[in-house]
Amino acid sequence: MERKSPNATLTFILGVCIAALVGVVAYVYTGGDFGGENEAEIQIDLPGDNG
């Protein structure tokens, strides 16, 4: 069996760490809401609807 070189293993671990860091930054930046808002971005207020 071939042994993996230390550089390949280190590169893989570094890639996993970077992916995790990007995920955490995205989670914090979006406030934990990846799906977007449930409300529409444009709301129209109709006359007589004061409720």
C-alpha atoms as a PDB file:
ATOM      1  CA  MET A   1       0.000   0.000   0.000  1.00  0.00           C
ATOM      2  CA  GLU A   2       1.122   3.501  -0.732  1.00  0.00           C
ATOM      3  CA  ARG A   3       1.575   5.836   2.170  1.00  0.00           C
ATOM      4  CA  LYS A   4       0.230   9.342   1.922  1.00  0.00           C
ATOM      5  CA  SER A   5       2.827  12.035   2.056  1.00  0.00           C
ATOM      6  CA  PRO A   6       2.690  14.431   5.003  1.00  0.00           C
ATOM      7  CA  ASN A   7       2.089  17.307   2.575  1.00  0.00           C
ATOM      8  CA  ALA A   8      -1.098  15.721   1.212  1.00  0.00           C
ATOM      9  CA  THR A   9      -2.426  15.060   4.699  1.00  0.00           C
ATOM     10  CA  LEU A  10      -1.551  18.569   5.855  1.00  0.00           C
ATOM     11  CA  THR A  11      -3.203  20.047   2.754  1.00  0.00           C
ATOM     12  CA  PHE A  12      -6.377  18.051   3.406  1.00  0.00           C
ATOM     13  CA  ILE A  13      -6.531  19.148   7.064  1.00  0.00           C
ATOM     14  CA  LEU A  14      -5.895  22.768   6.094  1.00  0.00           C
ATOM     15  CA  GLY A  15      -8.665  22.582   3.476  1.00  0.00           C
ATOM     16  CA  VAL A  16     -11.137  21.212   6.034  1.00  0.00           C
ATOM     17  CA  CYS A  17     -10.219  23.987   8.472  1.00  0.00           C
ATOM     18  CA  ILE A  18     -10.689  26.677   5.816  1.00  0.00           C
ATOM     19  CA  ALA A  19     -14.060  25.235   4.800  1.00  0.00           C
ATOM     20  CA  ALA A  20     -15.177  25.181   8.443  1.00  0.00           C
ATOM     21  CA  LEU A  21     -13.999  28.757   8.950  1.00  0.00           C
ATOM     22  CA  VAL A  22     -15.882  29.937   5.859  1.00  0.00           C
ATOM     23  CA  GLY A  23     -19.003  28.180   7.129  1.00  0.00           C
ATOM     24  CA  VAL A  24     -18.758  29.819  10.546  1.00  0.00           C
ATOM     25  CA  VAL A  25     -18.179  33.261   9.024  1.00  0.00           C
ATOM     26  CA  ALA A  26     -21.181  32.801   6.706  1.00  0.00           C
ATOM     27  CA  TYR A  27     -23.325  31.656   9.639  1.00  0.00           C
ATOM     28  CA  VAL A  28     -22.359  34.679  11.739  1.00  0.00           C
ATOM     29  CA  TYR A  29     -22.704  37.121   8.822  1.00  0.00           C
ATOM     30  CA  THR A  30     -26.208  35.918   7.964  1.00  0.00           C
ATOM     31  CA  GLY A  31     -27.256  35.800  11.606  1.00  0.00           C
ATOM     32  CA  GLY A  32     -27.801  32.053  11.394  1.00  0.00           C
ATOM     33  CA  ASP A  33     -30.494  32.386   8.745  1.00  0.00           C
ATOM     34  CA  PHE A  34     -29.258  30.650   5.588  1.00  0.00           C
ATOM     35  CA  GLY A  35     -32.740  30.201   4.101  1.00  0.00           C
ATOM     36  CA  GLY A  36     -33.512  33.873   3.764  1.00  0.00           C
ATOM     37  CA  GLU A  37     -36.388  35.729   5.304  1.00  0.00           C
ATOM     38  CA  ASN A  38     -39.913  34.381   5.404  1.00  0.00           C
ATOM     39  CA  GLU A  39     -41.412  37.779   4.591  1.00  0.00           C
ATOM     40  CA  ALA A  40     -41.449  39.275   1.144  1.00  0.00           C
ATOM     41  CA  GLU A  41     -38.953  42.028   0.480  1.00  0.00           C
ATOM     42  CA  ILE A  42     -41.630  44.277  -1.033  1.00  0.00           C
ATOM     43  CA  GLN A  43     -44.752  44.973   0.977  1.00  0.00           C
ATOM     44  CA  ILE A  44     -47.709  46.966  -0.282  1.00  0.00           C
ATOM     45  CA  ASP A  45     -49.940  48.743   2.201  1.00  0.00           C
ATOM     46  CA  LEU A  46     -53.494  48.802   0.899  1.00  0.00           C
ATOM     47  CA  PRO A  47     -55.816  51.667   1.849  1.00  0.00           C
ATOM     48  CA  GLY A  48     -58.302  50.823   4.581  1.00  0.00           C
ATOM     49  CA  ASP A  49     -56.226  47.950   5.913  1.00  0.00           C
ATOM     50  CA  ASN A  50     -55.154  49.417   9.269  1.00  0.00           C
ATOM     51  CA  GLY A  51     -54.927  46.143  11.127  1.00  0.00           C
END
